[in-house]
Amino acid sequence: MNLEVSQLVATFRNILHVYSILEKKPMDLGVGTRVYLTEIQTVSMIADNPGINITNLAEIMGVTRGAISQTVQKLAKKNLITRSRERNKKEINLGITPIGKKARDEFNSRMKDIFTFAEDLYNEASEDDRLVARRLFDAIYQNLRAKI
């Protein structure tokens, strides 16, 4: 591996490391309870898929039903999501509460602030540079997904 590629890999590993730290640190999103990154990502997924059941949510998020069930319990206790049996008696359908919506909106606002610099950089790049960036991120994602 040449030096430039090694430096890119090292930078990417540093990004993953910082992300893993953020994942373990609860955030105050102004809703009266601290929320972990995986929790707010789950709230967002439920908001994007109203009425989704636990099985489908686990599938979309790439985790086990047991893991998503535990997260759903925590989110319900924090009053960020609702659970109901709308479609059939066996299936639990999920939705977000007004508090969950507020937490999601605050999180999205923070993410927008954090990544605005990336959008500016991307907009300044040539079309060829944008293509390389898309190909690189897609390749990294596909390679990591294949290892799951």
Protein backbone atom coordinates (compact mmCIF):
# COMPACT_ATOMS: atom_id res chain seq x y z
CA MET A 1 0.00 0.00 0.00
CA ASN A 2 1.48 3.37 -0.96
CA LEU A 3 1.90 6.18 1.56
CA GLU A 4 -1.06 8.25 0.35
CA VAL A 5 -3.46 5.30 0.54
CA SER A 6 -2.09 4.41 3.98
CA GLN A 7 -2.79 7.96 5.15
CA LEU A 8 -6.35 7.81 3.77
CA VAL A 9 -6.95 4.51 5.55
CA ALA A 10 -5.55 5.95 8.79
CA THR A 11 -7.86 8.97 8.50
CA PHE A 12 -10.84 6.73 7.85
CA ARG A 13 -9.97 4.58 10.88
CA ASN A 14 -9.76 7.76 12.98
CA ILE A 15 -13.23 8.75 11.75
CA LEU A 16 -14.57 5.33 12.77
CA HIS A 17 -12.90 5.62 16.17
CA VAL A 18 -14.42 9.05 16.86
CA TYR A 19 -17.80 7.77 15.67
CA SER A 20 -17.59 4.83 18.09
CA ILE A 21 -16.90 7.27 20.93
CA LEU A 22 -19.91 9.37 19.92
CA GLU A 23 -22.03 6.23 19.78
CA LYS A 24 -21.31 5.52 23.45
CA LYS A 25 -21.90 9.06 24.68
CA PRO A 26 -25.51 10.03 25.46
CA MET A 27 -26.71 13.35 24.09
CA ASP A 28 -28.95 15.98 25.61
CA LEU A 29 -31.38 16.78 22.80
CA GLY A 30 -33.56 19.04 24.93
CA VAL A 31 -36.28 16.49 25.67
CA GLY A 32 -35.59 15.83 29.35
CA THR A 33 -33.68 12.59 28.87
CA ARG A 34 -30.30 11.71 27.42
CA VAL A 35 -30.34 9.78 24.16
CA TYR A 36 -27.68 7.52 22.63
CA LEU A 37 -26.80 7.70 18.95
CA THR A 38 -28.26 4.26 18.21
CA GLU A 39 -31.47 5.29 19.98
CA ILE A 40 -31.96 8.47 17.94
CA GLN A 41 -31.12 6.56 14.76
CA THR A 42 -33.86 4.10 15.70
CA VAL A 43 -36.30 6.95 16.36
CA SER A 44 -35.43 8.38 12.92
CA MET A 45 -35.98 5.03 11.22
CA ILE A 46 -39.37 4.67 12.92
CA ALA A 47 -40.28 8.24 11.90
CA ASP A 48 -39.36 7.42 8.29
CA ASN A 49 -41.43 4.20 8.42
CA PRO A 50 -44.57 4.91 10.51
CA GLY A 51 -46.25 1.75 11.76
CA ILE A 52 -43.18 -0.40 11.11
CA ASN A 53 -43.00 -3.61 13.13
CA ILE A 54 -40.03 -4.86 15.15
CA THR A 55 -39.04 -7.54 12.63
CA ASN A 56 -38.88 -5.10 9.73
CA LEU A 57 -37.11 -2.47 11.84
CA ALA A 58 -34.45 -4.99 12.87
CA GLU A 59 -33.98 -5.99 9.24
CA ILE A 60 -33.60 -2.40 8.02
CA MET A 61 -31.17 -1.53 10.80
CA GLY A 62 -29.13 -4.70 10.39
CA VAL A 63 -29.52 -5.94 13.96
CA THR A 64 -31.29 -8.82 15.66
CA ARG A 65 -34.92 -8.70 16.75
CA GLY A 66 -33.73 -9.09 20.34
CA ALA A 67 -31.46 -6.05 20.05
CA ILE A 68 -34.16 -3.91 18.49
CA SER A 69 -36.70 -5.08 21.09
CA GLN A 70 -34.42 -3.87 23.88
CA THR A 71 -33.91 -0.52 22.15
CA VAL A 72 -37.66 -0.17 21.58
CA GLN A 73 -38.32 -0.81 25.29
CA LYS A 74 -35.84 1.91 26.27
CA LEU A 75 -37.30 4.36 23.77
CA ALA A 76 -40.84 3.71 24.97
CA LYS A 77 -39.75 4.29 28.60
CA LYS A 78 -38.18 7.58 27.50
CA ASN A 79 -41.50 8.46 25.79
CA LEU A 80 -39.80 8.86 22.40
CA ILE A 81 -41.86 6.22 20.58
CA THR A 82 -45.26 4.54 20.75
CA ARG A 83 -46.09 0.85 20.52
CA SER A 84 -49.46 -0.40 19.36
CA ARG A 85 -51.13 -3.43 17.86
CA GLU A 86 -52.94 -1.87 14.91
CA ARG A 87 -52.69 -4.43 12.13
CA ASN A 88 -52.93 -7.71 14.01
CA LYS A 89 -52.74 -8.94 17.59
CA LYS A 90 -49.26 -10.48 17.24
CA GLU A 91 -47.51 -7.58 15.56
CA ILE A 92 -46.31 -4.51 17.47
CA ASN A 93 -46.39 -1.38 15.33
CA LEU A 94 -44.16 1.57 16.15
CA GLY A 95 -44.52 5.34 15.84
CA ILE A 96 -42.86 8.40 17.33
CA THR A 97 -44.24 10.70 19.99
CA PRO A 98 -44.08 14.51 19.87
CA ILE A 99 -41.07 14.23 22.21
CA GLY A 100 -39.46 11.75 19.81
CA LYS A 101 -40.07 14.14 16.92
CA LYS A 102 -38.49 16.99 18.88
CA ALA A 103 -35.43 14.85 19.67
CA ARG A 104 -35.12 13.77 16.04
CA ASP A 105 -35.43 17.34 14.78
CA GLU A 106 -32.76 18.55 17.23
CA PHE A 107 -30.43 15.71 16.25
CA ASN A 108 -30.94 16.42 12.52
CA SER A 109 -30.22 20.10 13.14
CA ARG A 110 -26.96 19.24 14.91
CA MET A 111 -25.93 16.84 12.15
CA LYS A 112 -26.64 19.50 9.55
CA ASP A 113 -24.42 21.95 11.44
CA ILE A 114 -21.65 19.35 11.73
CA PHE A 115 -21.70 18.36 8.06
CA THR A 116 -22.28 21.75 6.43
CA PHE A 117 -18.54 22.01 5.81
CA ALA A 118 -18.65 18.76 3.84
CA GLU A 119 -21.43 20.07 1.62
CA ASP A 120 -19.44 23.23 0.94
CA LEU A 121 -16.34 21.19 0.08
CA TYR A 122 -18.39 18.87 -2.13
CA ASN A 123 -20.01 21.80 -3.97
CA GLU A 124 -16.57 23.31 -4.66
CA ALA A 125 -15.19 20.03 -6.06
CA SER A 126 -15.03 19.20 -9.74
CA GLU A 127 -17.43 16.58 -11.12
CA ASP A 128 -14.51 14.14 -11.43
CA ASP A 129 -13.58 14.68 -7.77
CA ARG A 130 -17.22 14.15 -6.75
CA LEU A 131 -17.32 10.90 -8.71
CA VAL A 132 -14.14 9.68 -7.01
CA ALA A 133 -15.54 10.55 -3.58
CA ARG A 134 -18.84 8.74 -4.31
CA ARG A 135 -17.01 5.69 -5.66
CA LEU A 136 -14.67 5.61 -2.65
CA PHE A 137 -17.47 5.85 -0.07
CA ASP A 138 -19.61 3.32 -1.95
CA ALA A 139 -16.68 0.89 -2.18
CA ILE A 140 -15.86 1.24 1.53
CA TYR A 141 -19.52 0.72 2.44
CA GLN A 142 -19.92 -2.34 0.20
CA ASN A 143 -16.67 -3.86 1.50
CA LEU A 144 -17.72 -3.38 5.13
CA ARG A 145 -21.26 -4.71 4.50
CA ALA A 146 -19.81 -7.83 2.90
CA LYS A 147 -17.97 -8.59 6.15
CA ILE A 148 -21.13 -8.55 8.29
